[in-house]
Amino acid sequence: MTETREITLEQLLKAREQRVARQKKLLEEFRLPLVSYTVNIPGACKKTPISSRIFHEGCNALKKKLRETGCSLEYFEAKDPDTGYEAYLVVKTEERILKEQMLQIENEHPLGRLFDLDVIGATGIPISREKLGYAKRKCLLCDQDAHSCGRSRKHTTEALLQKIKSMVDSYFDNSFLVHLD
């Protein structure tokens, strides 16, 4: 069972610093593109039973996509600090192709909106959605830019968490039914 703990802003910022340091180390070691995966969860509790389900489903989707596209997964690491689940995948492929594949997952998987799949090129430069001609992500609750809604606190954490719970419940209920066929 996943223990739920509130984290502070200081802990969150320190975790980001540690994630960047880990990314840098993996890029130096492998000199290949890297996927840094976290879960988009608002609020002070980042490690919950729901975020755990989302994270594991995202890991499965990532590995499946890499198998389907013939990309070689050179390294995989998953962590579960209180600041939220995170995974690192070093992939032997062209970085733009890798970003396209991650965007497919984010855009097509029923929970993809909850996956944060950052691709960092072998030189350490992140590959953005916009660089490949994709629009910024939309808010879970309205049609506005997600970053703008988050920054302005347009929606309550409770409303966002309720939407996430609804998405997760619907996905796992439906995937259970598919497996019964």
Protein backbone atom coordinates (compact mmCIF):
# COMPACT_ATOMS: atom_id res chain seq x y z
CA MET A 1 0.00 0.00 0.00
CA THR A 2 1.30 3.43 -0.92
CA GLU A 3 1.67 5.80 2.00
CA THR A 4 0.42 9.31 1.22
CA ARG A 5 2.51 12.22 2.55
CA GLU A 6 2.33 15.92 1.93
CA ILE A 7 5.52 17.47 0.61
CA THR A 8 6.82 21.00 0.85
CA LEU A 9 7.81 23.31 -1.98
CA GLU A 10 11.40 23.00 -0.78
CA GLN A 11 11.23 19.19 -1.11
CA LEU A 12 9.71 19.50 -4.58
CA LEU A 13 12.44 21.89 -5.76
CA LYS A 14 15.17 19.69 -4.30
CA ALA A 15 13.66 16.66 -6.08
CA ARG A 16 13.74 18.57 -9.38
CA GLU A 17 17.41 19.40 -8.82
CA GLN A 18 18.15 15.75 -8.09
CA ARG A 19 16.21 14.67 -11.20
CA VAL A 20 18.25 17.06 -13.38
CA ALA A 21 21.48 15.74 -11.84
CA ARG A 22 20.40 12.14 -12.51
CA GLN A 23 19.46 13.02 -16.09
CA LYS A 24 22.85 14.65 -16.64
CA LYS A 25 24.68 11.63 -15.26
CA LEU A 26 22.75 9.21 -17.49
CA LEU A 27 23.33 11.40 -20.55
CA GLU A 28 27.07 11.52 -19.83
CA GLU A 29 27.21 7.76 -19.26
CA PHE A 30 25.18 6.60 -22.28
CA ARG A 31 25.35 9.53 -24.74
CA LEU A 32 21.87 8.59 -25.97
CA PRO A 33 18.44 10.26 -25.73
CA LEU A 34 16.68 9.98 -22.40
CA VAL A 35 13.03 9.86 -21.37
CA SER A 36 12.38 11.34 -17.95
CA TYR A 37 8.92 10.27 -16.84
CA THR A 38 6.84 11.65 -13.97
CA VAL A 39 3.12 11.83 -13.23
CA ASN A 40 1.13 15.07 -13.54
CA ILE A 41 -0.53 15.29 -10.13
CA PRO A 42 -1.53 18.62 -8.55
CA GLY A 43 -1.36 19.30 -4.84
CA ALA A 44 0.97 18.52 -1.98
CA CYS A 45 0.57 14.71 -2.10
CA LYS A 46 2.48 13.36 -5.08
CA LYS A 47 2.75 9.72 -4.06
CA THR A 48 -0.73 8.24 -3.71
CA PRO A 49 -2.47 5.00 -4.67
CA ILE A 50 -3.87 6.77 -7.75
CA SER A 51 -0.51 8.22 -8.84
CA SER A 52 1.01 4.76 -8.35
CA ARG A 53 -1.52 3.22 -10.74
CA ILE A 54 -0.95 6.00 -13.27
CA PHE A 55 2.84 5.64 -13.01
CA HIS A 56 2.86 1.87 -13.51
CA GLU A 57 0.45 2.11 -16.43
CA GLY A 58 2.70 4.76 -17.98
CA CYS A 59 5.78 2.54 -17.57
CA ASN A 60 3.91 -0.28 -19.30
CA ALA A 61 2.83 2.04 -22.14
CA LEU A 62 6.39 3.31 -22.57
CA LYS A 63 7.93 -0.15 -22.75
CA LYS A 64 5.20 -1.35 -25.11
CA LYS A 65 5.74 1.62 -27.47
CA LEU A 66 9.49 1.02 -27.53
CA ARG A 67 8.97 -2.69 -28.34
CA GLU A 68 6.44 -1.88 -31.08
CA THR A 69 8.75 0.64 -32.73
CA GLY A 70 11.90 -1.47 -32.43
CA CYS A 71 13.74 1.03 -30.26
CA SER A 72 16.37 -0.44 -27.98
CA LEU A 73 15.86 0.28 -24.29
CA GLU A 74 19.42 0.54 -23.00
CA TYR A 75 18.61 1.44 -19.39
CA PHE A 76 15.54 1.68 -17.17
CA GLU A 77 15.31 2.99 -13.62
CA ALA A 78 12.21 3.70 -11.53
CA LYS A 79 12.12 5.55 -8.22
CA ASP A 80 9.34 6.30 -5.74
CA PRO A 81 10.36 9.19 -3.48
CA ASP A 82 7.71 11.08 -1.50
CA THR A 83 7.97 13.85 -4.11
CA GLY A 84 6.43 11.57 -6.74
CA TYR A 85 7.17 8.60 -8.93
CA GLU A 86 9.86 9.01 -11.56
CA ALA A 87 11.48 6.85 -14.22
CA TYR A 88 14.45 7.21 -16.51
CA LEU A 89 14.68 5.40 -19.82
CA VAL A 90 17.77 5.60 -22.03
CA VAL A 91 16.78 4.71 -25.58
CA LYS A 92 18.88 3.95 -28.64
CA THR A 93 17.07 5.93 -31.34
CA GLU A 94 16.95 9.38 -32.89
CA GLU A 95 15.74 11.94 -30.32
CA ARG A 96 13.07 13.54 -32.53
CA ILE A 97 11.60 10.12 -33.30
CA LEU A 98 11.62 9.33 -29.58
CA LYS A 99 9.81 12.59 -28.78
CA GLU A 100 7.19 11.81 -31.47
CA GLN A 101 6.62 8.42 -29.85
CA MET A 102 6.24 9.98 -26.40
CA LEU A 103 3.78 12.52 -27.81
CA GLN A 104 1.77 9.66 -29.30
CA ILE A 105 1.51 8.09 -25.86
CA GLU A 106 0.57 11.41 -24.21
CA ASN A 107 -2.01 12.17 -26.91
CA GLU A 108 -3.50 8.71 -27.53
CA HIS A 109 -3.38 6.74 -24.26
CA PRO A 110 -6.53 7.28 -22.14
CA LEU A 111 -4.28 8.31 -19.23
CA GLY A 112 -1.65 9.98 -21.42
CA ARG A 113 -2.62 13.45 -20.26
CA LEU A 114 -1.43 12.42 -16.81
CA PHE A 115 1.98 11.22 -18.07
CA ASP A 116 4.81 13.75 -18.22
CA LEU A 117 7.21 12.24 -20.76
CA ASP A 118 10.14 14.59 -21.23
CA VAL A 119 12.70 13.71 -23.89
CA ILE A 120 16.22 15.04 -23.48
CA GLY A 121 18.56 14.74 -26.43
CA ALA A 122 21.98 13.12 -26.11
CA THR A 123 23.53 16.60 -25.92
CA GLY A 124 21.36 17.49 -22.91
CA ILE A 125 18.89 19.71 -24.77
CA PRO A 126 15.20 18.96 -24.08
CA ILE A 127 13.00 18.33 -27.13
CA SER A 128 9.80 20.35 -26.71
CA ARG A 129 6.33 19.70 -28.09
CA GLU A 130 6.37 23.11 -29.70
CA LYS A 131 9.73 22.43 -31.43
CA LEU A 132 8.00 19.58 -33.30
CA GLY A 133 4.97 21.70 -34.18
CA TYR A 134 2.59 20.47 -31.47
CA ALA A 135 0.41 22.75 -29.40
CA LYS A 136 0.92 23.17 -25.67
CA ARG A 137 -1.01 20.77 -23.46
CA LYS A 138 -4.59 21.66 -22.63
CA CYS A 139 -5.98 21.88 -19.12
CA LEU A 140 -7.77 18.80 -17.77
CA LEU A 141 -10.89 20.84 -17.00
CA CYS A 142 -11.09 23.48 -19.72
CA ASP A 143 -9.72 24.19 -23.18
CA GLN A 144 -7.04 26.64 -22.01
CA ASP A 145 -3.28 26.10 -21.90
CA ALA A 146 -2.55 23.82 -18.92
CA HIS A 147 0.48 25.82 -17.79
CA SER A 148 -1.52 29.07 -17.72
CA CYS A 149 -4.38 27.48 -15.76
CA GLY A 150 -1.93 25.99 -13.27
CA ARG A 151 -0.01 29.19 -12.79
CA SER A 152 -3.19 31.27 -12.28
CA ARG A 153 -4.77 28.57 -10.06
CA LYS A 154 -7.91 28.79 -12.18
CA HIS A 155 -9.16 25.45 -10.86
CA THR A 156 -9.03 24.01 -7.35
CA THR A 157 -6.74 21.11 -6.55
CA GLU A 158 -9.84 19.18 -5.45
CA ALA A 159 -11.53 19.66 -8.86
CA LEU A 160 -8.39 18.52 -10.68
CA LEU A 161 -7.92 15.50 -8.41
CA GLN A 162 -11.58 14.54 -8.89
CA LYS A 163 -11.11 14.66 -12.68
CA ILE A 164 -7.96 12.54 -12.40
CA LYS A 165 -9.74 10.01 -10.18
CA SER A 166 -12.59 9.83 -12.70
CA MET A 167 -10.13 9.24 -15.57
CA VAL A 168 -8.28 6.53 -13.65
CA ASP A 169 -11.47 4.79 -12.48
CA SER A 170 -12.88 4.82 -15.99
CA TYR A 171 -9.67 3.54 -17.54
CA PHE A 172 -9.14 0.66 -15.12
CA ASP A 173 -12.84 -0.29 -15.07
CA ASN A 174 -12.84 -0.40 -18.88
CA SER A 175 -9.50 -2.21 -19.15
CA PHE A 176 -10.82 -4.83 -16.70
CA LEU A 177 -13.84 -5.35 -18.94
CA VAL A 178 -11.61 -5.69 -22.03
CA HIS A 179 -9.61 -8.42 -20.31
CA LEU A 180 -12.81 -10.35 -19.56
CA ASP A 181 -13.60 -10.77 -23.27
